[in-house]
Amino acid sequence: MPDLAWMSNGGSLLDGSGDWALTGSVWEELSTMIATRLKADLDAWQLYRIGADLDKLPAQTVAPELESAVQQQAMQSISDLVPSGMAQVKTLTQGSEIMLFVYINGQLVYTTTLSV
């Protein structure tokens, strides 16, 4: 059963006819939930510490330790959305940017770029 579509910064969406927009698939819904958590601060929700807090990473030279911290924070923020072992977070460094990729069962569901 589809769920209501919602924006990653909060609020419901309406479709072209003015009715409530519904998610198209489970993957679309999961991708939106993952994007929301990865964009959020750690304490974005008052009662739950589920945001990845990636904006709080120290501004420093890209190093393997920083990539590892990004992967760990991202994985921790989505760990309760999918069963253990289904999610995989990978990073790729290009200059002063870290590209973050989130896979569920080998399928890419979210990507973003972090500037450090």
C-alpha atoms as a PDB file:
ATOM      1  CA  MET A   1       0.000   0.000   0.000  1.00  0.00           C
ATOM      2  CA  PRO A   2       1.468   3.371  -0.944  1.00  0.00           C
ATOM      3  CA  ASP A   3       2.134   6.001   1.662  1.00  0.00           C
ATOM      4  CA  LEU A   4       1.659   9.760   1.552  1.00  0.00           C
ATOM      5  CA  ALA A   5       4.484  11.513  -0.288  1.00  0.00           C
ATOM      6  CA  TRP A   6       6.352  14.063   1.790  1.00  0.00           C
ATOM      7  CA  MET A   7       9.142  16.546   1.324  1.00  0.00           C
ATOM      8  CA  SER A   8      12.524  15.885   2.882  1.00  0.00           C
ATOM      9  CA  ASN A   9      12.282  19.150   4.830  1.00  0.00           C
ATOM     10  CA  GLY A  10       8.782  18.340   6.114  1.00  0.00           C
ATOM     11  CA  GLY A  11       5.256  18.790   4.820  1.00  0.00           C
ATOM     12  CA  SER A  12       3.006  16.741   2.566  1.00  0.00           C
ATOM     13  CA  LEU A  13       2.893  16.969  -1.214  1.00  0.00           C
ATOM     14  CA  LEU A  14      -0.097  17.428  -3.488  1.00  0.00           C
ATOM     15  CA  ASP A  15      -0.351  15.884  -6.944  1.00  0.00           C
ATOM     16  CA  GLY A  16      -1.357  17.687 -10.142  1.00  0.00           C
ATOM     17  CA  SER A  17      -5.076  17.335  -9.377  1.00  0.00           C
ATOM     18  CA  GLY A  18      -4.770  18.878  -5.904  1.00  0.00           C
ATOM     19  CA  ASP A  19      -5.177  15.552  -4.101  1.00  0.00           C
ATOM     20  CA  TRP A  20      -2.638  14.104  -1.649  1.00  0.00           C
ATOM     21  CA  ALA A  21       0.369  12.745  -3.516  1.00  0.00           C
ATOM     22  CA  LEU A  22       1.220   9.099  -2.883  1.00  0.00           C
ATOM     23  CA  THR A  23       4.561   7.395  -3.138  1.00  0.00           C
ATOM     24  CA  GLY A  24       5.086   5.454  -6.325  1.00  0.00           C
ATOM     25  CA  SER A  25       6.961   2.531  -4.808  1.00  0.00           C
ATOM     26  CA  VAL A  26       8.628   1.191  -1.699  1.00  0.00           C
ATOM     27  CA  TRP A  27      12.018   2.201  -3.158  1.00  0.00           C
ATOM     28  CA  GLU A  28      10.841   5.777  -3.681  1.00  0.00           C
ATOM     29  CA  GLU A  29       9.602   5.985  -0.105  1.00  0.00           C
ATOM     30  CA  LEU A  30      12.778   4.432   1.316  1.00  0.00           C
ATOM     31  CA  SER A  31      14.960   6.745  -0.777  1.00  0.00           C
ATOM     32  CA  THR A  32      13.088   9.789   0.541  1.00  0.00           C
ATOM     33  CA  MET A  33      13.428   8.625   4.144  1.00  0.00           C
ATOM     34  CA  ILE A  34      17.160   7.999   3.707  1.00  0.00           C
ATOM     35  CA  ALA A  35      17.655  11.422   2.093  1.00  0.00           C
ATOM     36  CA  THR A  36      15.850  13.113   4.974  1.00  0.00           C
ATOM     37  CA  ARG A  37      18.003  11.438   7.595  1.00  0.00           C
ATOM     38  CA  LEU A  38      21.265  12.112   5.776  1.00  0.00           C
ATOM     39  CA  LYS A  39      20.419  15.807   5.384  1.00  0.00           C
ATOM     40  CA  ALA A  40      19.295  16.223   9.008  1.00  0.00           C
ATOM     41  CA  ASP A  41      21.238  17.370  12.035  1.00  0.00           C
ATOM     42  CA  LEU A  42      21.678  14.828  14.808  1.00  0.00           C
ATOM     43  CA  ASP A  43      18.987  16.454  16.980  1.00  0.00           C
ATOM     44  CA  ALA A  44      16.638  17.518  14.161  1.00  0.00           C
ATOM     45  CA  TRP A  45      13.835  15.521  15.765  1.00  0.00           C
ATOM     46  CA  GLN A  46      13.446  16.398  19.442  1.00  0.00           C
ATOM     47  CA  LEU A  47      12.829  12.877  20.722  1.00  0.00           C
ATOM     48  CA  TYR A  48      14.984  10.898  18.303  1.00  0.00           C
ATOM     49  CA  ARG A  49      18.672  11.189  17.418  1.00  0.00           C
ATOM     50  CA  ILE A  50      18.379   9.863  13.861  1.00  0.00           C
ATOM     51  CA  GLY A  51      20.022  12.503  11.675  1.00  0.00           C
ATOM     52  CA  ALA A  52      23.452  11.820  10.151  1.00  0.00           C
ATOM     53  CA  ASP A  53      24.745  15.273  11.182  1.00  0.00           C
ATOM     54  CA  LEU A  54      27.123  15.327   8.202  1.00  0.00           C
ATOM     55  CA  ASP A  55      27.283  19.144   8.193  1.00  0.00           C
ATOM     56  CA  LYS A  56      29.057  19.040  11.551  1.00  0.00           C
ATOM     57  CA  LEU A  57      32.103  17.246  10.198  1.00  0.00           C
ATOM     58  CA  PRO A  58      35.200  19.302  10.826  1.00  0.00           C
ATOM     59  CA  ALA A  59      36.492  21.335   7.898  1.00  0.00           C
ATOM     60  CA  GLN A  60      39.723  19.531   7.258  1.00  0.00           C
ATOM     61  CA  THR A  61      41.710  17.920   4.513  1.00  0.00           C
ATOM     62  CA  VAL A  62      39.994  14.876   3.071  1.00  0.00           C
ATOM     63  CA  ALA A  63      41.600  11.799   4.603  1.00  0.00           C
ATOM     64  CA  PRO A  64      40.652   8.134   5.018  1.00  0.00           C
ATOM     65  CA  GLU A  65      39.598   8.909   8.615  1.00  0.00           C
ATOM     66  CA  LEU A  66      37.134  11.544   7.404  1.00  0.00           C
ATOM     67  CA  GLU A  67      35.692   9.173   4.804  1.00  0.00           C
ATOM     68  CA  SER A  68      35.297   6.526   7.488  1.00  0.00           C
ATOM     69  CA  ALA A  69      33.506   9.023   9.773  1.00  0.00           C
ATOM     70  CA  VAL A  70      31.105   9.948   6.941  1.00  0.00           C
ATOM     71  CA  GLN A  71      30.345   6.281   6.277  1.00  0.00           C
ATOM     72  CA  GLN A  72      29.783   5.509   9.958  1.00  0.00           C
ATOM     73  CA  GLN A  73      27.510   8.496  10.575  1.00  0.00           C
ATOM     74  CA  ALA A  74      25.455   7.768   7.455  1.00  0.00           C
ATOM     75  CA  MET A  75      25.104   4.084   8.297  1.00  0.00           C
ATOM     76  CA  GLN A  76      24.105   4.833  11.875  1.00  0.00           C
ATOM     77  CA  SER A  77      21.358   7.226  10.770  1.00  0.00           C
ATOM     78  CA  ILE A  78      19.706   4.651   8.483  1.00  0.00           C
ATOM     79  CA  SER A  79      20.389   1.503  10.521  1.00  0.00           C
ATOM     80  CA  ASP A  80      16.832   1.265  11.846  1.00  0.00           C
ATOM     81  CA  LEU A  81      15.237   1.679   8.393  1.00  0.00           C
ATOM     82  CA  VAL A  82      16.537  -1.550   6.883  1.00  0.00           C
ATOM     83  CA  PRO A  83      17.561  -4.923   8.325  1.00  0.00           C
ATOM     84  CA  SER A  84      21.216  -5.442   9.147  1.00  0.00           C
ATOM     85  CA  GLY A  85      23.340  -6.327   6.141  1.00  0.00           C
ATOM     86  CA  MET A  86      20.975  -4.891   3.516  1.00  0.00           C
ATOM     87  CA  ALA A  87      22.404  -1.362   3.527  1.00  0.00           C
ATOM     88  CA  GLN A  88      25.816  -0.388   2.252  1.00  0.00           C
ATOM     89  CA  VAL A  89      27.376   3.084   2.355  1.00  0.00           C
ATOM     90  CA  LYS A  90      30.334   3.909   0.116  1.00  0.00           C
ATOM     91  CA  THR A  91      32.343   7.074  -0.419  1.00  0.00           C
ATOM     92  CA  LEU A  92      34.474   8.413  -3.239  1.00  0.00           C
ATOM     93  CA  THR A  93      36.834  11.358  -2.806  1.00  0.00           C
ATOM     94  CA  GLN A  94      37.371  13.868  -5.602  1.00  0.00           C
ATOM     95  CA  GLY A  95      39.502  16.847  -4.618  1.00  0.00           C
ATOM     96  CA  SER A  96      37.843  18.572  -1.667  1.00  0.00           C
ATOM     97  CA  GLU A  97      34.549  16.731  -2.078  1.00  0.00           C
ATOM     98  CA  ILE A  98      33.332  13.406  -0.760  1.00  0.00           C
ATOM     99  CA  MET A  99      30.635  11.691  -2.772  1.00  0.00           C
ATOM    100  CA  LEU A 100      28.357   9.496  -0.660  1.00  0.00           C
ATOM    101  CA  PHE A 101      26.437   6.547  -2.120  1.00  0.00           C
ATOM    102  CA  VAL A 102      23.802   4.508  -0.275  1.00  0.00           C
ATOM    103  CA  TYR A 103      22.861   1.075  -1.603  1.00  0.00           C
ATOM    104  CA  ILE A 104      20.040  -1.184  -0.426  1.00  0.00           C
ATOM    105  CA  ASN A 105      20.407  -4.789  -1.598  1.00  0.00           C
ATOM    106  CA  GLY A 106      22.933  -3.613  -4.186  1.00  0.00           C
ATOM    107  CA  GLN A 107      20.586  -0.990  -5.655  1.00  0.00           C
ATOM    108  CA  LEU A 108      21.627   2.664  -5.469  1.00  0.00           C
ATOM    109  CA  VAL A 109      18.901   4.583  -3.617  1.00  0.00           C
ATOM    110  CA  TYR A 110      20.632   7.850  -2.678  1.00  0.00           C
ATOM    111  CA  THR A 111      23.722   9.875  -3.527  1.00  0.00           C
ATOM    112  CA  THR A 112      25.004  13.243  -2.340  1.00  0.00           C
ATOM    113  CA  THR A 113      28.206  15.273  -2.394  1.00  0.00           C
ATOM    114  CA  LEU A 114      29.799  16.789   0.713  1.00  0.00           C
ATOM    115  CA  SER A 115      32.233  19.690   0.484  1.00  0.00           C
ATOM    116  CA  VAL A 116      34.962  19.762   3.114  1.00  0.00           C
END
